[in-house]
Amino acid sequence: MRSGDGLLPPSIAASSDGTDVNGHTLDDYTAKMTELIELMRMIGNDTQQCEVKECKRRISSTITDTLSAFSNGSGGWIILGLSEKAGFTPVDHFDARAMQEALSQACEKMTPVVRPVIVTCPFEGANLVFARIDEMLPRDKPCFTTTLGPHGGSFIRTGDGDRRMTSYEVDRLIEEHLQPTYDLDIVPGATIDDLDHALVSGLLARVREQHPHVFAGTDDTRMLLDLQVLRHDDSDDATVGGVLRPTLAGLLALGRYPQKYYPRLSISIAVFPGIDRDEVFRGDERLVAAKTIVGPIPVMINDAVESLMRWIGAKKPDYPPVVLREAIANALTHRDYSPDARGTQVRINVFTNRIEITNPGGLYGTVTHDVLANPHPVTGVPFVSTRNQFLFTLLESTPYPDGGFVNPEGGDGYQRIAASLHEAGVEPATTRNDINTFTMTITKHRTAANSTPSDISKAIMTVLERHSAMSIKEIIRELQLTPLAATSGMRELIREGRVAKVRFQDDPTQRYRLKSN
């Protein structure tokens, strides 16, 4: 194939071995596209990671929305020339060459310009346009339609669609171009008397022990100023030099009761009776327990873990306490503390099969899913960047009431979580990240999602025995499977003749049932 035929991108055509800069061949892209189409046929719609557009006569008017959404999120795939309405089949008389050029031109309408890999791949006797859109670097976000500007032309992927970003989301992305300093904000009205004496003494003793030469001969007040626990509030004109007030970081780490000034900088815990919120919010069930945790960060972490252990069984816990402690500490340390987010709590939702810990604000700076999962090859810990650098530093030396320190190792919490779960025989924690929130999910035990395809098929058979027919989405939800795991298991059952496809007249959703013996 030649680049001039419109079948190979320049990055592939120019290489001597037929691969692009990422080492992928046209066959690789064709295989990936086919896999995505099979998945979408199973679930009946396009996905968070893949957008399908017909583009029979012209490029879709919303293509720039999708380019923006994938660039601002975790990246994704675009397939042109495929009809979702017709069951994800190729569109008749689709002009792949023209649409590939039109897609390239649409990429030029973005700020920053989007530079995807665009290929034309064969599929069921037709040629489709297939593009990979990579996530942009934090310093380049938001990606937006140039003519609409950042606040009107920035989108994010939500479910299987593109949503215009809110002003809050756009501002958070722009904020990442520089290091945020919201944790240095002076707390209006607070004084040094709002700090907990025992926590302050523990912090100062730890810092003096770690840095004896730096703080030799330095009095306590001077140290608290140097550590940005206190700052001079110059807004009080009647006081020469200003009043000493705690910073937000100082109050959160060392305050007696930070919620006196910020009532929602707390933790909300809800224990659900099943595996889904709907059982409470749409049914007659009630929450098993609910509690709000307050206090400085070390106290909130201790109290939250203690409450969870009491509710889930402390004698033989399904979740290692060290995992819960680290996950909650991460949520409180790295959450968004900008003024727009100070009314939002950290949420802990406990279900019968998992615990979800959600904090406002997504991953910051150079920290991505890949960075979390892949530690530095030399140090063994991830590259760390934090939006709350002063709070992060304070918590390295902030004591827990019962001993130890909140963040003594400085940034390897995720690795400790992974190691502890592995040691306990529990599957790895999963994370979900967007601009608004970051969620870590810890499962109760190994689920079918972590099993072999044969195990998954058996699990699907078991759940279908309890229902007359189910959709892939319902199976995913019931078994806590990934879409790929569910569709893989279902394909095996269909191939073996154990499961049949079925559609009901009043419901267009593709469903599956066990075949009669």
Protein backbone atom coordinates (compact mmCIF):
# COMPACT_ATOMS: atom_id res chain seq x y z
CA MET A 1 0.00 0.00 0.00
CA ARG A 2 1.12 3.53 -0.69
CA SER A 3 0.65 6.68 1.29
CA GLY A 4 -0.71 8.37 -1.80
CA ASP A 5 -3.57 5.88 -1.94
CA GLY A 6 -4.92 7.36 1.29
CA LEU A 7 -4.50 4.04 3.06
CA LEU A 8 -1.38 4.69 5.10
CA PRO A 9 -0.59 7.72 7.27
CA PRO A 10 2.75 9.39 6.51
CA SER A 11 4.16 8.09 9.80
CA ILE A 12 3.70 4.51 8.60
CA ALA A 13 4.45 5.06 4.93
CA ALA A 14 7.74 6.80 5.68
CA SER A 15 9.11 4.04 7.92
CA SER A 16 11.27 1.29 6.47
CA ASP A 17 9.46 -1.51 8.30
CA GLY A 18 5.88 -0.33 7.73
CA THR A 19 5.30 0.82 11.30
CA ASP A 20 4.39 4.21 12.72
CA VAL A 21 6.24 6.10 15.47
CA ASN A 22 4.55 3.86 18.06
CA GLY A 23 5.63 0.68 16.28
CA HIS A 24 2.12 -0.14 14.98
CA THR A 25 1.36 -1.46 11.49
CA LEU A 26 -1.77 -1.04 9.41
CA ASP A 27 -2.71 -4.60 10.35
CA ASP A 28 -2.47 -3.60 14.02
CA TYR A 29 -4.89 -0.72 13.49
CA THR A 30 -7.26 -2.91 11.47
CA ALA A 31 -7.29 -5.52 14.24
CA LYS A 32 -7.95 -2.86 16.89
CA MET A 33 -10.77 -1.33 14.87
CA THR A 34 -12.36 -4.75 14.33
CA GLU A 35 -12.14 -5.48 18.06
CA LEU A 36 -13.86 -2.18 18.89
CA ILE A 37 -16.65 -2.77 16.36
CA GLU A 38 -17.31 -6.25 17.75
CA LEU A 39 -17.52 -4.78 21.25
CA MET A 40 -19.97 -2.07 20.16
CA ARG A 41 -22.14 -4.60 18.35
CA MET A 42 -22.35 -6.56 21.56
CA ILE A 43 -23.28 -3.63 23.81
CA GLY A 44 -25.41 -1.84 21.23
CA ASN A 45 -23.82 1.61 21.30
CA ASP A 46 -20.47 3.34 20.99
CA THR A 47 -18.31 3.64 24.08
CA GLN A 48 -16.38 6.03 26.28
CA GLN A 49 -13.25 5.29 24.24
CA CYS A 50 -14.71 5.04 20.72
CA GLU A 51 -16.94 7.37 18.69
CA VAL A 52 -18.66 6.20 15.49
CA LYS A 53 -19.90 8.61 12.82
CA GLU A 54 -21.54 7.81 9.47
CA CYS A 55 -20.20 10.77 7.44
CA LYS A 56 -21.84 9.47 4.27
CA ARG A 57 -21.75 12.76 2.37
CA ARG A 58 -19.79 15.14 4.59
CA ILE A 59 -17.82 15.17 7.82
CA SER A 60 -20.00 15.32 10.93
CA SER A 61 -20.59 18.83 12.28
CA THR A 62 -19.78 17.55 15.77
CA ILE A 63 -16.43 15.99 14.88
CA THR A 64 -14.56 18.89 16.53
CA ASP A 65 -16.49 18.22 19.76
CA THR A 66 -15.15 14.66 19.75
CA LEU A 67 -11.60 15.75 18.92
CA SER A 68 -11.72 18.14 21.87
CA ALA A 69 -13.28 15.57 24.22
CA PHE A 70 -10.72 12.85 23.55
CA SER A 71 -7.81 15.32 23.72
CA ASN A 72 -9.00 16.65 27.08
CA GLY A 73 -9.74 13.19 28.48
CA SER A 74 -7.86 9.93 28.19
CA GLY A 75 -7.73 9.80 24.41
CA GLY A 76 -9.88 7.62 22.18
CA TRP A 77 -10.71 6.21 18.77
CA ILE A 78 -12.86 7.60 15.94
CA ILE A 79 -14.38 5.42 13.21
CA LEU A 80 -15.90 7.13 10.16
CA GLY A 81 -18.12 5.31 7.66
CA LEU A 82 -19.93 3.07 10.15
CA SER A 83 -23.66 3.27 10.94
CA GLU A 84 -24.67 2.82 14.57
CA LYS A 85 -28.35 2.82 13.59
CA ALA A 86 -27.77 -0.09 11.21
CA GLY A 87 -26.04 -2.21 13.83
CA PHE A 88 -22.52 -0.89 13.28
CA THR A 89 -22.33 -1.87 9.62
CA PRO A 90 -20.42 0.00 6.87
CA VAL A 91 -22.21 2.90 5.18
CA ASP A 92 -22.91 2.47 1.45
CA HIS A 93 -20.92 4.68 -0.95
CA PHE A 94 -18.66 6.01 1.82
CA ASP A 95 -15.73 8.01 0.38
CA ALA A 96 -12.87 7.07 2.70
CA ARG A 97 -10.28 9.22 0.92
CA ALA A 98 -12.41 12.39 1.14
CA MET A 99 -13.39 11.79 4.77
CA GLN A 100 -9.79 11.14 5.80
CA GLU A 101 -8.84 14.51 4.35
CA ALA A 102 -11.87 16.18 5.97
CA LEU A 103 -10.91 14.74 9.35
CA SER A 104 -7.36 16.07 8.93
CA GLN A 105 -8.77 19.53 8.16
CA ALA A 106 -11.03 19.38 11.24
CA CYS A 107 -7.95 18.71 13.38
CA GLU A 108 -6.48 22.00 12.13
CA LYS A 109 -9.48 23.88 13.52
CA MET A 110 -8.48 23.02 17.08
CA THR A 111 -6.27 24.87 19.59
CA PRO A 112 -3.84 23.28 20.11
CA VAL A 113 -3.96 21.53 16.74
CA VAL A 114 -4.77 17.83 17.12
CA ARG A 115 -2.23 15.45 15.52
CA PRO A 116 -3.85 12.00 15.35
CA VAL A 117 -2.84 8.87 13.49
CA ILE A 118 -5.44 8.48 10.71
CA VAL A 119 -5.62 5.29 8.65
CA THR A 120 -8.03 3.72 6.19
CA CYS A 121 -8.78 0.14 7.22
CA PRO A 122 -10.70 -2.60 5.38
CA PHE A 123 -13.79 -4.01 7.08
CA GLU A 124 -16.44 -6.35 5.66
CA GLY A 125 -15.73 -5.38 2.07
CA ALA A 126 -15.57 -1.63 2.72
CA ASN A 127 -12.92 0.91 3.70
CA LEU A 128 -13.42 2.81 6.96
CA VAL A 129 -11.46 5.76 8.36
CA PHE A 130 -9.91 4.95 11.73
CA ALA A 131 -8.17 7.54 13.91
CA ARG A 132 -6.38 7.42 17.25
CA ILE A 133 -6.65 10.65 19.27
CA ASP A 134 -4.10 10.85 22.09
CA GLU A 135 -4.65 12.68 25.36
CA MET A 136 -2.88 16.03 25.36
CA LEU A 137 -0.31 16.97 27.95
CA PRO A 138 -1.71 18.90 30.94
CA ARG A 139 0.11 22.06 29.87
CA ASP A 140 -1.71 21.95 26.50
CA LYS A 141 -5.25 21.51 27.84
CA PRO A 142 -7.94 22.50 27.29
CA CYS A 143 -8.12 21.59 23.61
CA PHE A 144 -10.96 23.57 22.04
CA THR A 145 -12.50 24.64 18.74
CA THR A 146 -10.55 27.77 17.92
CA THR A 147 -13.52 29.86 16.77
CA LEU A 148 -15.47 29.14 19.99
CA GLY A 149 -12.69 29.80 22.51
CA PRO A 150 -11.79 27.69 25.57
CA HIS A 151 -14.99 28.29 27.56
CA GLY A 152 -17.31 27.67 24.60
CA GLY A 153 -15.43 25.09 22.57
CA SER A 154 -13.94 22.70 25.14
CA PHE A 155 -15.55 19.27 25.51
CA ILE A 156 -15.06 16.16 27.62
CA ARG A 157 -16.16 12.57 27.07
CA THR A 158 -19.06 11.40 29.23
CA GLY A 159 -20.35 7.89 28.63
CA ASP A 160 -20.68 7.48 24.88
CA GLY A 161 -21.10 11.18 24.14
CA ASP A 162 -19.33 14.53 24.23
CA ARG A 163 -20.31 17.17 26.79
CA ARG A 164 -19.35 20.84 26.80
CA MET A 165 -17.07 21.48 29.75
CA THR A 166 -18.22 23.71 32.58
CA SER A 167 -16.36 26.88 33.49
CA TYR A 168 -15.09 25.07 36.60
CA GLU A 169 -13.58 22.29 34.48
CA VAL A 170 -11.98 24.69 32.01
CA ASP A 171 -10.53 26.79 34.83
CA ARG A 172 -9.06 23.67 36.48
CA LEU A 173 -7.29 22.71 33.25
CA ILE A 174 -5.93 26.22 32.71
CA GLU A 175 -4.84 26.22 36.34
CA GLU A 176 -2.55 23.27 35.66
CA HIS A 177 -0.35 25.46 33.47
CA LEU A 178 1.05 26.85 36.74
CA GLN A 179 1.43 25.34 40.22
CA PRO A 180 -1.75 26.01 42.25
CA THR A 181 -1.27 27.66 45.66
CA TYR A 182 -4.76 27.42 47.13
CA ASP A 183 -3.35 25.51 50.10
CA LEU A 184 -1.43 28.69 50.98
CA ASP A 185 -4.61 30.77 51.28
CA ILE A 186 -4.92 32.50 54.65
CA VAL A 187 -8.03 31.33 56.52
CA PRO A 188 -10.00 34.51 57.34
CA GLY A 189 -10.77 34.85 61.04
CA ALA A 190 -8.65 31.89 62.15
CA THR A 191 -5.83 32.33 64.67
CA ILE A 192 -2.99 30.28 66.07
CA ASP A 193 -5.39 29.16 68.82
CA ASP A 194 -7.26 27.12 66.17
CA LEU A 195 -4.28 24.77 65.88
CA ASP A 196 -4.04 21.55 67.89
CA HIS A 197 -1.11 21.82 70.32
CA ALA A 198 -0.26 18.10 70.25
CA LEU A 199 -0.23 17.93 66.45
CA VAL A 200 1.89 21.09 66.21
CA SER A 201 4.39 19.76 68.76
CA GLY A 202 4.62 16.44 66.93
CA LEU A 203 5.20 18.17 63.59
CA LEU A 204 7.92 20.48 64.91
CA ALA A 205 9.71 17.63 66.69
CA ARG A 206 9.68 15.53 63.52
CA VAL A 207 10.95 18.37 61.31
CA ARG A 208 13.74 19.25 63.78
CA GLU A 209 14.74 15.58 63.85
CA GLN A 210 14.82 15.36 60.05
CA HIS A 211 16.52 18.72 59.42
CA PRO A 212 18.59 19.57 62.53
CA HIS A 213 21.00 21.93 60.77
CA VAL A 214 18.32 23.90 58.93
CA PHE A 215 16.21 24.63 62.01
CA ALA A 216 18.91 24.79 64.70
CA GLY A 217 18.07 27.64 67.07
CA THR A 218 14.77 28.44 65.30
CA ASP A 219 11.84 29.12 67.63
CA ASP A 220 8.44 27.49 67.14
CA THR A 221 6.69 30.51 65.64
CA ARG A 222 9.46 31.09 63.11
CA MET A 223 9.33 27.42 62.12
CA LEU A 224 5.57 27.55 61.64
CA LEU A 225 6.04 30.55 59.37
CA ASP A 226 8.82 28.82 57.43
CA LEU A 227 6.68 25.71 56.99
CA GLN A 228 3.75 27.87 55.79
CA VAL A 229 1.54 26.70 58.64
CA LEU A 230 1.11 30.39 59.53
CA ARG A 231 1.22 33.56 57.44
CA HIS A 232 0.96 37.25 58.23
CA ASP A 233 -2.48 38.58 57.36
CA ASP A 234 -1.74 42.11 56.17
CA SER A 235 -5.43 42.89 55.64
CA ASP A 236 -5.64 43.94 59.30
CA ASP A 237 -4.35 47.51 58.94
CA ALA A 238 -4.62 48.13 62.67
CA THR A 239 -1.88 45.60 63.41
CA VAL A 240 1.69 46.35 62.38
CA GLY A 241 3.04 43.42 60.40
CA GLY A 242 -0.36 41.78 60.24
CA VAL A 243 -2.03 39.09 62.35
CA LEU A 244 -0.62 35.57 62.30
CA ARG A 245 -3.25 33.28 60.81
CA PRO A 246 -3.19 29.63 59.74
CA THR A 247 -3.00 28.81 56.08
CA LEU A 248 -5.47 26.34 54.62
CA ALA A 249 -2.70 23.71 54.61
CA GLY A 250 -1.84 24.44 58.24
CA LEU A 251 -5.46 24.31 59.37
CA LEU A 252 -6.23 21.07 57.51
CA ALA A 253 -3.13 19.27 58.80
CA LEU A 254 -2.94 20.67 62.33
CA GLY A 255 -6.23 22.39 63.17
CA ARG A 256 -8.42 21.43 66.11
CA TYR A 257 -11.61 21.70 64.05
CA PRO A 258 -11.05 22.96 60.47
CA GLN A 259 -14.77 22.53 59.71
CA LYS A 260 -15.43 25.60 61.85
CA TYR A 261 -14.35 27.58 58.78
CA TYR A 262 -14.96 25.04 56.00
CA PRO A 263 -17.85 22.75 57.04
CA ARG A 264 -17.69 20.62 53.89
CA LEU A 265 -13.97 19.85 53.96
CA SER A 266 -14.85 16.54 55.57
CA ILE A 267 -15.56 12.91 54.69
CA SER A 268 -19.00 11.48 53.97
CA ILE A 269 -19.41 7.71 54.43
CA ALA A 270 -22.47 5.82 53.17
CA VAL A 271 -22.96 2.06 53.55
CA PHE A 272 -25.34 0.60 50.95
CA PRO A 273 -27.27 -2.68 51.39
CA GLY A 274 -26.34 -4.06 47.94
CA ILE A 275 -24.07 -3.50 44.96
CA ASP A 276 -25.85 -0.45 43.55
CA ARG A 277 -27.06 2.98 44.68
CA ASP A 278 -30.34 2.44 42.86
CA GLU A 279 -31.43 -0.07 45.48
CA VAL A 280 -31.66 2.86 47.90
CA PHE A 281 -32.48 5.84 45.72
CA ARG A 282 -35.11 4.13 43.53
CA GLY A 283 -36.35 1.41 45.83
CA ASP A 284 -37.59 0.87 49.36
CA GLU A 285 -34.20 0.02 50.86
CA ARG A 286 -32.43 2.30 53.32
CA LEU A 287 -28.76 2.97 53.92
CA VAL A 288 -27.19 0.54 56.38
CA ALA A 289 -25.19 3.38 57.91
CA ALA A 290 -24.13 6.94 57.17
CA LYS A 291 -21.65 9.20 58.90
CA THR A 292 -19.77 12.45 58.42
CA ILE A 293 -16.13 12.45 59.58
CA VAL A 294 -14.62 15.76 60.75
CA GLY A 295 -11.40 17.06 62.28
CA PRO A 296 -7.88 17.63 60.94
CA ILE A 297 -6.65 15.25 58.25
CA PRO A 298 -4.84 12.77 60.56
CA VAL A 299 -7.90 12.49 62.80
CA MET A 300 -10.29 12.12 59.85
CA ILE A 301 -8.19 9.30 58.40
CA ASN A 302 -8.10 7.44 61.72
CA ASP A 303 -11.82 7.90 62.39
CA ALA A 304 -12.81 6.91 58.85
CA VAL A 305 -10.77 3.69 58.94
CA GLU A 306 -12.09 2.86 62.42
CA SER A 307 -15.69 3.34 61.25
CA LEU A 308 -15.16 1.23 58.13
CA MET A 309 -13.56 -1.57 60.13
CA ARG A 310 -16.52 -1.58 62.51
CA TRP A 311 -19.03 -1.82 59.65
CA ILE A 312 -17.22 -4.38 57.49
CA GLY A 313 -15.81 -6.59 60.26
CA ALA A 314 -12.53 -5.83 61.98
CA LYS A 315 -11.75 -9.40 63.16
CA LYS A 316 -11.33 -10.76 59.64
CA PRO A 317 -11.56 -7.72 57.38
CA ASP A 318 -12.23 -8.11 53.66
CA TYR A 319 -10.14 -4.99 53.06
CA PRO A 320 -6.62 -4.55 54.49
CA PRO A 321 -6.76 -1.56 56.90
CA VAL A 322 -3.49 -0.19 55.49
CA VAL A 323 -5.11 0.00 52.05
CA LEU A 324 -8.07 1.99 53.36
CA ARG A 325 -5.75 4.28 55.31
CA GLU A 326 -3.56 5.02 52.28
CA ALA A 327 -6.49 5.49 49.92
CA ILE A 328 -8.25 7.94 52.25
CA ALA A 329 -4.98 9.80 52.91
CA ASN A 330 -4.42 10.14 49.16
CA ALA A 331 -7.94 11.48 48.65
CA LEU A 332 -7.56 14.14 51.35
CA THR A 333 -4.03 15.11 50.33
CA HIS A 334 -4.53 15.42 46.58
CA ARG A 335 -8.14 16.65 46.35
CA ASP A 336 -9.03 20.01 44.85
CA TYR A 337 -8.98 22.76 47.49
CA SER A 338 -9.78 25.65 45.15
CA PRO A 339 -12.60 27.96 46.32
CA ASP A 340 -15.04 26.31 43.90
CA ALA A 341 -14.42 22.89 45.47
CA ARG A 342 -14.42 23.77 49.18
CA GLY A 343 -18.10 22.90 49.43
CA THR A 344 -17.48 19.32 48.26
CA GLN A 345 -16.69 16.41 50.58
CA VAL A 346 -14.56 13.35 50.01
CA ARG A 347 -17.10 10.53 49.57
CA ILE A 348 -16.68 6.92 50.68
CA ASN A 349 -19.41 4.59 49.40
CA VAL A 350 -19.42 1.06 50.80
CA PHE A 351 -21.20 -1.66 48.82
CA THR A 352 -21.44 -5.37 49.53
CA ASN A 353 -18.71 -6.11 46.98
CA ARG A 354 -16.51 -2.99 46.95
CA ILE A 355 -15.56 0.35 48.49
CA GLU A 356 -15.40 3.50 46.35
CA ILE A 357 -13.40 6.52 47.55
CA THR A 358 -14.02 9.69 45.53
CA ASN A 359 -12.39 13.10 45.90
CA PRO A 360 -13.06 16.35 44.04
CA GLY A 361 -10.44 17.11 41.40
CA GLY A 362 -8.83 14.65 38.99
CA LEU A 363 -5.21 13.60 38.75
CA TYR A 364 -2.87 16.56 38.63
CA GLY A 365 0.10 17.45 36.44
CA THR A 366 2.33 14.60 35.29
CA VAL A 367 0.40 12.01 37.31
CA THR A 368 -1.66 9.77 34.99
CA HIS A 369 -3.02 6.23 35.20
CA ASP A 370 0.17 4.99 33.54
CA VAL A 371 2.36 6.85 36.03
CA LEU A 372 0.40 5.42 38.97
CA ALA A 373 0.80 1.89 37.64
CA ASN A 374 4.45 2.18 36.57
CA PRO A 375 6.89 3.32 39.26
CA HIS A 376 10.21 4.97 38.54
CA PRO A 377 12.67 2.28 37.33
CA VAL A 378 15.36 3.41 39.81
CA THR A 379 13.52 4.66 42.90
CA GLY A 380 10.63 2.21 42.63
CA VAL A 381 8.03 4.94 43.25
CA PRO A 382 6.03 6.98 40.72
CA PHE A 383 7.03 10.39 39.47
CA VAL A 384 5.11 12.67 41.83
CA SER A 385 3.47 15.99 41.15
CA THR A 386 0.87 17.36 43.53
CA ARG A 387 -1.54 20.26 43.28
CA ASN A 388 -1.22 20.88 47.05
CA GLN A 389 2.55 21.01 47.50
CA PHE A 390 2.56 22.75 50.90
CA LEU A 391 -0.10 20.48 52.40
CA PHE A 392 1.71 17.46 50.94
CA THR A 393 4.97 18.55 52.57
CA LEU A 394 3.33 19.19 55.95
CA LEU A 395 1.69 15.76 55.96
CA GLU A 396 5.08 14.10 55.55
CA SER A 397 5.75 15.15 59.15
CA THR A 398 2.22 15.36 60.59
CA PRO A 399 1.67 12.69 63.27
CA TYR A 400 -1.33 10.43 63.68
CA PRO A 401 -2.82 10.62 67.19
CA ASP A 402 -1.92 6.95 67.79
CA GLY A 403 1.60 7.08 66.30
CA GLY A 404 3.20 7.20 62.88
CA PHE A 405 2.91 9.91 60.26
CA VAL A 406 0.36 10.61 57.54
CA ASN A 407 2.74 10.60 54.57
CA PRO A 408 6.19 9.55 55.83
CA GLU A 409 7.46 8.16 52.53
CA GLY A 410 6.30 11.07 50.39
CA GLY A 411 4.39 9.83 47.38
CA ASP A 412 4.44 6.04 47.32
CA GLY A 413 0.93 5.54 48.71
CA TYR A 414 -0.41 4.00 45.52
CA GLN A 415 2.44 1.49 45.44
CA ARG A 416 1.76 0.53 49.07
CA ILE A 417 -1.90 0.01 48.18
CA ALA A 418 -0.97 -2.23 45.24
CA ALA A 419 1.52 -4.25 47.30
CA SER A 420 -0.88 -4.71 50.22
CA LEU A 421 -3.74 -5.87 47.97
CA HIS A 422 -1.43 -8.30 46.19
CA GLU A 423 -0.23 -9.72 49.50
CA ALA A 424 -3.83 -10.12 50.69
CA GLY A 425 -4.84 -11.91 47.48
CA VAL A 426 -7.24 -9.15 46.49
CA GLU A 427 -7.39 -7.89 42.93
CA PRO A 428 -5.71 -4.53 42.19
CA ALA A 429 -7.59 -1.34 42.92
CA THR A 430 -9.12 0.34 39.90
CA THR A 431 -9.22 4.08 39.31
CA ARG A 432 -11.52 6.37 37.38
CA ASN A 433 -10.25 9.85 36.59
CA ASP A 434 -11.87 12.92 35.07
CA ILE A 435 -11.46 16.65 35.51
CA ASN A 436 -14.02 16.89 38.32
CA THR A 437 -13.26 13.79 40.37
CA PHE A 438 -10.92 10.89 41.03
CA THR A 439 -12.31 7.58 42.28
CA MET A 440 -10.44 4.56 43.61
CA THR A 441 -12.40 1.31 43.83
CA ILE A 442 -11.25 -1.52 46.08
CA THR A 443 -13.06 -4.82 45.56
CA LYS A 444 -13.90 -7.28 48.30
CA HIS A 445 -12.34 -10.29 46.61
CA ARG A 446 -11.15 -11.54 43.25
CA THR A 447 -13.98 -11.18 40.76
CA ALA A 448 -14.64 -12.78 37.40
CA ALA A 449 -13.03 -9.75 35.76
CA ASN A 450 -9.71 -11.08 36.96
CA SER A 451 -10.38 -14.67 35.85
CA THR A 452 -9.82 -16.70 32.69
CA PRO A 453 -12.27 -16.45 29.76
CA SER A 454 -13.63 -19.87 30.79
CA ASP A 455 -14.30 -18.62 34.34
CA ILE A 456 -16.05 -15.56 32.95
CA SER A 457 -18.25 -17.70 30.71
CA LYS A 458 -19.23 -19.85 33.70
CA ALA A 459 -20.11 -16.71 35.69
CA ILE A 460 -22.27 -15.43 32.81
CA MET A 461 -24.02 -18.81 32.58
CA THR A 462 -24.76 -18.68 36.30
CA VAL A 463 -26.28 -15.21 36.16
CA LEU A 464 -28.33 -16.04 33.04
CA GLU A 465 -29.85 -18.99 34.91
CA ARG A 466 -31.50 -16.46 37.24
CA HIS A 467 -32.93 -14.28 34.45
CA SER A 468 -35.02 -14.93 31.35
CA ALA A 469 -32.75 -12.68 29.28
CA MET A 470 -30.12 -10.03 29.95
CA SER A 471 -28.24 -7.34 28.02
CA ILE A 472 -24.45 -7.08 28.06
CA LYS A 473 -24.76 -3.90 30.16
CA GLU A 474 -26.82 -5.75 32.78
CA ILE A 475 -24.30 -8.60 32.87
CA ILE A 476 -21.41 -6.15 33.25
CA ARG A 477 -23.19 -4.44 36.13
CA GLU A 478 -24.20 -7.67 37.90
CA LEU A 479 -20.78 -9.36 37.67
CA GLN A 480 -18.61 -6.22 37.88
CA LEU A 481 -16.91 -7.14 34.59
CA THR A 482 -15.11 -4.92 32.12
CA PRO A 483 -16.89 -4.59 28.75
CA LEU A 484 -14.10 -6.51 27.01
CA ALA A 485 -14.24 -9.35 29.55
CA ALA A 486 -18.03 -9.61 29.27
CA THR A 487 -18.10 -9.60 25.47
CA SER A 488 -15.24 -12.10 25.30
CA GLY A 489 -17.08 -14.49 27.61
CA MET A 490 -20.34 -14.02 25.73
CA ARG A 491 -18.69 -14.71 22.36
CA GLU A 492 -17.37 -18.00 23.74
CA LEU A 493 -20.85 -19.02 24.91
CA ILE A 494 -22.44 -18.11 21.57
CA ARG A 495 -19.73 -20.00 19.69
CA GLU A 496 -20.35 -23.07 21.86
CA GLY A 497 -24.09 -22.83 21.23
CA ARG A 498 -25.01 -22.31 24.88
CA VAL A 499 -26.46 -18.81 24.55
CA ALA A 500 -28.84 -17.32 21.99
CA LYS A 501 -29.48 -13.72 20.99
CA VAL A 502 -32.99 -12.42 21.53
CA ARG A 503 -34.83 -9.12 20.96
CA PHE A 504 -38.24 -8.23 22.36
CA GLN A 505 -40.69 -6.28 20.22
CA ASP A 506 -41.06 -3.41 22.68
CA ASP A 507 -37.35 -3.27 23.53
CA PRO A 508 -34.69 -2.83 20.81
CA THR A 509 -31.85 -3.73 23.19
CA GLN A 510 -29.89 -6.83 22.23
CA ARG A 511 -30.34 -9.44 24.96
CA TYR A 512 -29.07 -12.95 25.57
CA ARG A 513 -30.62 -16.07 27.09
CA LEU A 514 -29.58 -19.64 27.77
CA LYS A 515 -30.49 -22.10 25.04
CA SER A 516 -32.81 -24.92 26.05
CA ASN A 517 -31.22 -28.35 26.26
